[in-house]
PDB file of all heavy atoms in Angstrom:
ATOM      1  N   PRO A   1       8.946  -7.852  -4.404  1.00  0.00           N
ATOM      2  CA  PRO A   1       7.700  -8.360  -4.947  1.00  0.00           C
ATOM      3  C   PRO A   1       6.527  -7.396  -4.667  1.00  0.00           C
ATOM      4  O   PRO A   1       5.613  -7.336  -5.402  1.00  0.00           O
ATOM      5  CB  PRO A   1       7.524  -9.699  -4.172  1.00  0.00           C
ATOM      6  CG  PRO A   1       8.932 -10.117  -3.791  1.00  0.00           C
ATOM      7  CD  PRO A   1       9.700  -8.870  -3.573  1.00  0.00           C
ATOM      8  N   ALA A   2       6.663  -6.732  -3.520  1.00  0.00           N
ATOM      9  CA  ALA A   2       5.531  -5.804  -3.176  1.00  0.00           C
ATOM     10  C   ALA A   2       5.427  -4.658  -4.062  1.00  0.00           C
ATOM     11  O   ALA A   2       4.398  -3.970  -4.137  1.00  0.00           O
ATOM     12  CB  ALA A   2       5.746  -5.277  -1.724  1.00  0.00           C
ATOM     13  N   ALA A   3       6.482  -4.394  -4.888  1.00  0.00           N
ATOM     14  CA  ALA A   3       6.427  -3.256  -5.744  1.00  0.00           C
ATOM     15  C   ALA A   3       6.127  -3.629  -7.234  1.00  0.00           C
ATOM     16  O   ALA A   3       6.148  -2.745  -8.088  1.00  0.00           O
ATOM     17  CB  ALA A   3       7.814  -2.452  -5.721  1.00  0.00           C
ATOM     18  N   SER A   4       5.812  -4.861  -7.463  1.00  0.00           N
ATOM     19  CA  SER A   4       5.709  -5.299  -8.839  1.00  0.00           C
ATOM     20  C   SER A   4       4.209  -5.449  -9.256  1.00  0.00           C
ATOM     21  O   SER A   4       3.335  -5.331  -8.404  1.00  0.00           O
ATOM     22  CB  SER A   4       6.373  -6.720  -8.989  1.00  0.00           C
ATOM     23  OG  SER A   4       5.756  -7.684  -8.182  1.00  0.00           O
ATOM     24  N   GLY A   5       3.996  -5.626 -10.476  1.00  0.00           N
ATOM     25  CA  GLY A   5       2.638  -5.848 -11.021  1.00  0.00           C
ATOM     26  C   GLY A   5       1.866  -4.601 -11.157  1.00  0.00           C
ATOM     27  O   GLY A   5       2.453  -3.457 -11.219  1.00  0.00           O
ATOM     28  N   ALA A   6       0.515  -4.685 -11.211  1.00  0.00           N
ATOM     29  CA  ALA A   6      -0.356  -3.576 -11.502  1.00  0.00           C
ATOM     30  C   ALA A   6      -0.944  -3.008 -10.214  1.00  0.00           C
ATOM     31  O   ALA A   6      -2.017  -2.441 -10.239  1.00  0.00           O
ATOM     32  CB  ALA A   6      -1.427  -3.943 -12.517  1.00  0.00           C
ATOM     33  N   ARG A   7      -0.270  -3.162  -9.105  1.00  0.00           N
ATOM     34  CA  ARG A   7      -0.752  -2.734  -7.825  1.00  0.00           C
ATOM     35  C   ARG A   7      -0.925  -1.209  -7.869  1.00  0.00           C
ATOM     36  O   ARG A   7      -0.143  -0.500  -8.443  1.00  0.00           O
ATOM     37  CB  ARG A   7       0.337  -3.083  -6.752  1.00  0.00           C
ATOM     38  CG  ARG A   7      -0.183  -3.039  -5.324  1.00  0.00           C
ATOM     39  CD  ARG A   7       0.970  -3.659  -4.484  1.00  0.00           C
ATOM     40  NE  ARG A   7       0.775  -3.472  -3.084  1.00  0.00           N
ATOM     41  CZ  ARG A   7       1.646  -3.752  -2.212  1.00  0.00           C
ATOM     42  NH1 ARG A   7       2.841  -4.201  -2.568  1.00  0.00           N
ATOM     43  NH2 ARG A   7       1.446  -3.545  -0.908  1.00  0.00           N
ATOM     44  N   ARG A   8      -2.066  -0.752  -7.250  1.00  0.00           N
ATOM     45  CA  ARG A   8      -2.350   0.664  -7.157  1.00  0.00           C
ATOM     46  C   ARG A   8      -2.228   1.154  -5.689  1.00  0.00           C
ATOM     47  O   ARG A   8      -2.677   0.415  -4.844  1.00  0.00           O
ATOM     48  CB  ARG A   8      -3.777   0.927  -7.678  1.00  0.00           C
ATOM     49  CG  ARG A   8      -3.980   0.425  -9.136  1.00  0.00           C
ATOM     50  CD  ARG A   8      -3.395   1.359 -10.139  1.00  0.00           C
ATOM     51  NE  ARG A   8      -4.222   2.459 -10.418  1.00  0.00           N
ATOM     52  CZ  ARG A   8      -3.941   3.523 -11.277  1.00  0.00           C
ATOM     53  NH1 ARG A   8      -2.787   3.433 -11.844  1.00  0.00           N
ATOM     54  NH2 ARG A   8      -4.741   4.489 -11.405  1.00  0.00           N
ATOM     55  N   PHE A   9      -1.699   2.343  -5.529  1.00  0.00           N
ATOM     56  CA  PHE A   9      -1.400   2.829  -4.231  1.00  0.00           C
ATOM     57  C   PHE A   9      -2.140   4.096  -3.907  1.00  0.00           C
ATOM     58  O   PHE A   9      -2.242   4.976  -4.716  1.00  0.00           O
ATOM     59  CB  PHE A   9       0.105   3.058  -4.096  1.00  0.00           C
ATOM     60  CG  PHE A   9       0.976   1.801  -4.312  1.00  0.00           C
ATOM     61  CD1 PHE A   9       1.545   1.589  -5.541  1.00  0.00           C
ATOM     62  CD2 PHE A   9       1.137   0.863  -3.291  1.00  0.00           C
ATOM     63  CE1 PHE A   9       2.275   0.469  -5.760  1.00  0.00           C
ATOM     64  CE2 PHE A   9       1.892  -0.262  -3.541  1.00  0.00           C
ATOM     65  CZ  PHE A   9       2.453  -0.453  -4.750  1.00  0.00           C
ATOM     66  N   GLU A  10      -2.734   4.134  -2.734  1.00  0.00           N
ATOM     67  CA  GLU A  10      -3.494   5.308  -2.292  1.00  0.00           C
ATOM     68  C   GLU A  10      -2.630   6.278  -1.431  1.00  0.00           C
ATOM     69  O   GLU A  10      -3.142   7.438  -1.212  1.00  0.00           O
ATOM     70  CB  GLU A  10      -4.699   4.799  -1.413  1.00  0.00           C
ATOM     71  CG  GLU A  10      -5.645   3.933  -2.228  1.00  0.00           C
ATOM     72  CD  GLU A  10      -6.814   3.377  -1.403  1.00  0.00           C
ATOM     73  OE1 GLU A  10      -6.835   3.735  -0.147  1.00  0.00           O
ATOM     74  OE2 GLU A  10      -7.651   2.710  -1.897  1.00  0.00           O
ATOM     75  N   THR A  11      -1.515   5.812  -1.008  1.00  0.00           N
ATOM     76  CA  THR A  11      -0.598   6.658  -0.181  1.00  0.00           C
ATOM     77  C   THR A  11       0.820   6.405  -0.776  1.00  0.00           C
ATOM     78  O   THR A  11       1.231   5.333  -1.042  1.00  0.00           O
ATOM     79  CB  THR A  11      -0.611   6.219   1.251  1.00  0.00           C
ATOM     80  OG1 THR A  11      -1.975   6.355   1.738  1.00  0.00           O
ATOM     81  CG2 THR A  11       0.316   7.085   2.101  1.00  0.00           C
ATOM     82  N   VAL A  12       1.545   7.551  -0.848  1.00  0.00           N
ATOM     83  CA  VAL A  12       2.953   7.406  -1.271  1.00  0.00           C
ATOM     84  C   VAL A  12       3.833   8.100  -0.218  1.00  0.00           C
ATOM     85  O   VAL A  12       3.601   9.257   0.189  1.00  0.00           O
ATOM     86  CB  VAL A  12       3.206   8.107  -2.665  1.00  0.00           C
ATOM     87  CG1 VAL A  12       4.660   8.000  -3.033  1.00  0.00           C
ATOM     88  CG2 VAL A  12       2.290   7.493  -3.706  1.00  0.00           C
ATOM     89  N   LEU A  13       4.844   7.365   0.307  1.00  0.00           N
ATOM     90  CA  LEU A  13       5.839   7.891   1.194  1.00  0.00           C
ATOM     91  C   LEU A  13       7.120   8.175   0.396  1.00  0.00           C
ATOM     92  O   LEU A  13       7.537   7.316  -0.425  1.00  0.00           O
ATOM     93  CB  LEU A  13       6.174   6.871   2.338  1.00  0.00           C
ATOM     94  CG  LEU A  13       4.920   6.482   3.145  1.00  0.00           C
ATOM     95  CD1 LEU A  13       5.365   5.388   4.131  1.00  0.00           C
ATOM     96  CD2 LEU A  13       4.320   7.649   3.818  1.00  0.00           C
ATOM     97  N   PHE A  14       7.760   9.233   0.676  1.00  0.00           N
ATOM     98  CA  PHE A  14       8.986   9.637   0.037  1.00  0.00           C
ATOM     99  C   PHE A  14      10.146   9.784   0.992  1.00  0.00           C
ATOM    100  O   PHE A  14       9.928  10.391   2.081  1.00  0.00           O
ATOM    101  CB  PHE A  14       8.873  10.944  -0.783  1.00  0.00           C
ATOM    102  CG  PHE A  14       8.007  10.858  -2.009  1.00  0.00           C
ATOM    103  CD1 PHE A  14       6.704  11.203  -1.914  1.00  0.00           C
ATOM    104  CD2 PHE A  14       8.541  10.504  -3.213  1.00  0.00           C
ATOM    105  CE1 PHE A  14       5.871  11.205  -3.056  1.00  0.00           C
ATOM    106  CE2 PHE A  14       7.723  10.421  -4.382  1.00  0.00           C
ATOM    107  CZ  PHE A  14       6.394  10.826  -4.272  1.00  0.00           C
ATOM    108  N   ASP A  15      11.346   9.331   0.674  1.00  0.00           N
ATOM    109  CA  ASP A  15      12.563   9.688   1.330  1.00  0.00           C
ATOM    110  C   ASP A  15      12.889  11.153   0.959  1.00  0.00           C
ATOM    111  O   ASP A  15      12.348  11.666  -0.042  1.00  0.00           O
ATOM    112  CB  ASP A  15      13.612   8.780   0.874  1.00  0.00           C
ATOM    113  CG  ASP A  15      15.034   9.152   1.305  1.00  0.00           C
ATOM    114  OD1 ASP A  15      15.206   9.376   2.567  1.00  0.00           O
ATOM    115  OD2 ASP A  15      15.969   9.322   0.564  1.00  0.00           O
ATOM    116  N   PHE A  16      13.770  11.741   1.752  1.00  0.00           N
ATOM    117  CA  PHE A  16      14.185  13.175   1.474  1.00  0.00           C
ATOM    118  C   PHE A  16      15.400  13.284   0.658  1.00  0.00           C
ATOM    119  O   PHE A  16      15.360  13.516  -0.600  1.00  0.00           O
ATOM    120  CB  PHE A  16      14.360  13.851   2.860  1.00  0.00           C
ATOM    121  CG  PHE A  16      15.062  15.230   2.812  1.00  0.00           C
ATOM    122  CD1 PHE A  16      14.568  16.178   2.041  1.00  0.00           C
ATOM    123  CD2 PHE A  16      16.215  15.422   3.558  1.00  0.00           C
ATOM    124  CE1 PHE A  16      15.283  17.421   1.971  1.00  0.00           C
ATOM    125  CE2 PHE A  16      16.851  16.675   3.606  1.00  0.00           C
ATOM    126  CZ  PHE A  16      16.381  17.650   2.785  1.00  0.00           C
ATOM    127  N   SER A  17      16.598  13.021   1.272  1.00  0.00           N
ATOM    128  CA  SER A  17      17.832  13.162   0.575  1.00  0.00           C
ATOM    129  C   SER A  17      18.142  12.146  -0.472  1.00  0.00           C
ATOM    130  O   SER A  17      18.078  10.954  -0.179  1.00  0.00           O
ATOM    131  CB  SER A  17      18.955  13.239   1.544  1.00  0.00           C
ATOM    132  OG  SER A  17      20.244  13.335   0.983  1.00  0.00           O
ATOM    133  N   GLY A  18      18.423  12.593  -1.668  1.00  0.00           N
ATOM    134  CA  GLY A  18      18.682  11.648  -2.765  1.00  0.00           C
ATOM    135  C   GLY A  18      17.431  11.154  -3.476  1.00  0.00           C
ATOM    136  O   GLY A  18      17.496  10.458  -4.482  1.00  0.00           O
ATOM    137  N   THR A  19      16.267  11.566  -2.939  1.00  0.00           N
ATOM    138  CA  THR A  19      14.971  11.204  -3.593  1.00  0.00           C
ATOM    139  C   THR A  19      14.247  12.392  -4.040  1.00  0.00           C
ATOM    140  O   THR A  19      13.904  12.561  -5.264  1.00  0.00           O
ATOM    141  CB  THR A  19      14.160  10.372  -2.549  1.00  0.00           C
ATOM    142  OG1 THR A  19      14.892   9.185  -2.211  1.00  0.00           O
ATOM    143  CG2 THR A  19      12.819   9.955  -3.205  1.00  0.00           C
ATOM    144  N   LEU A  20      13.801  13.322  -3.143  1.00  0.00           N
ATOM    145  CA  LEU A  20      13.136  14.533  -3.475  1.00  0.00           C
ATOM    146  C   LEU A  20      14.084  15.709  -3.653  1.00  0.00           C
ATOM    147  O   LEU A  20      13.852  16.575  -4.416  1.00  0.00           O
ATOM    148  CB  LEU A  20      12.007  14.851  -2.444  1.00  0.00           C
ATOM    149  CG  LEU A  20      10.830  13.979  -2.424  1.00  0.00           C
ATOM    150  CD1 LEU A  20       9.974  14.381  -1.232  1.00  0.00           C
ATOM    151  CD2 LEU A  20      10.041  14.037  -3.755  1.00  0.00           C
ATOM    152  N   PHE A  21      15.177  15.664  -2.803  1.00  0.00           N
ATOM    153  CA  PHE A  21      16.158  16.725  -2.844  1.00  0.00           C
ATOM    154  C   PHE A  21      17.563  16.148  -2.907  1.00  0.00           C
ATOM    155  O   PHE A  21      17.817  15.018  -2.617  1.00  0.00           O
ATOM    156  CB  PHE A  21      16.071  17.538  -1.538  1.00  0.00           C
ATOM    157  CG  PHE A  21      14.928  18.546  -1.471  1.00  0.00           C
ATOM    158  CD1 PHE A  21      13.706  18.078  -1.094  1.00  0.00           C
ATOM    159  CD2 PHE A  21      15.129  19.828  -1.715  1.00  0.00           C
ATOM    160  CE1 PHE A  21      12.668  18.981  -0.961  1.00  0.00           C
ATOM    161  CE2 PHE A  21      14.073  20.757  -1.674  1.00  0.00           C
ATOM    162  CZ  PHE A  21      12.853  20.325  -1.240  1.00  0.00           C
ATOM    163  N   ARG A  22      18.469  16.988  -3.368  1.00  0.00           N
ATOM    164  CA  ARG A  22      19.826  16.657  -3.448  1.00  0.00           C
ATOM    165  C   ARG A  22      20.710  17.720  -2.779  1.00  0.00           C
ATOM    166  O   ARG A  22      20.484  18.944  -2.982  1.00  0.00           O
ATOM    167  CB  ARG A  22      20.305  16.521  -4.931  1.00  0.00           C
ATOM    168  CG  ARG A  22      21.797  16.297  -5.172  1.00  0.00           C
ATOM    169  CD  ARG A  22      22.249  14.951  -5.007  1.00  0.00           C
ATOM    170  NE  ARG A  22      23.717  14.803  -5.334  1.00  0.00           N
ATOM    171  CZ  ARG A  22      24.278  13.640  -5.474  1.00  0.00           C
ATOM    172  NH1 ARG A  22      23.624  12.446  -5.420  1.00  0.00           N
ATOM    173  NH2 ARG A  22      25.573  13.582  -5.795  1.00  0.00           N
ATOM    174  N   ILE A  23      21.637  17.292  -1.901  1.00  0.00           N
ATOM    175  CA  ILE A  23      22.517  18.273  -1.225  1.00  0.00           C
ATOM    176  C   ILE A  23      23.488  18.793  -2.215  1.00  0.00           C
ATOM    177  O   ILE A  23      23.837  18.167  -3.230  1.00  0.00           O
ATOM    178  CB  ILE A  23      23.265  17.554  -0.080  1.00  0.00           C
ATOM    179  CG1 ILE A  23      23.992  18.560   0.842  1.00  0.00           C
ATOM    180  CG2 ILE A  23      24.186  16.505  -0.569  1.00  0.00           C
ATOM    181  CD1 ILE A  23      23.106  19.440   1.677  1.00  0.00           C
ATOM    182  N   GLU A  24      23.979  20.036  -1.984  1.00  0.00           N
ATOM    183  CA  GLU A  24      24.930  20.682  -2.863  1.00  0.00           C
ATOM    184  C   GLU A  24      26.275  19.887  -2.875  1.00  0.00           C
ATOM    185  O   GLU A  24      26.564  19.174  -1.890  1.00  0.00           O
ATOM    186  CB  GLU A  24      25.212  22.109  -2.435  1.00  0.00           C
ATOM    187  CG  GLU A  24      25.827  22.221  -1.034  1.00  0.00           C
ATOM    188  CD  GLU A  24      25.788  23.684  -0.538  1.00  0.00           C
ATOM    189  OE1 GLU A  24      25.621  24.636  -1.384  1.00  0.00           O
ATOM    190  OE2 GLU A  24      25.949  23.866   0.659  1.00  0.00           O
TER     191      GLU A  24
END
């Protein structure tokens, strides 16, 4: 529920593996 609707975010946290990068 926290991710739904027209909510606007001032900070974004990203995971590393499988999200921003992929291992060989």
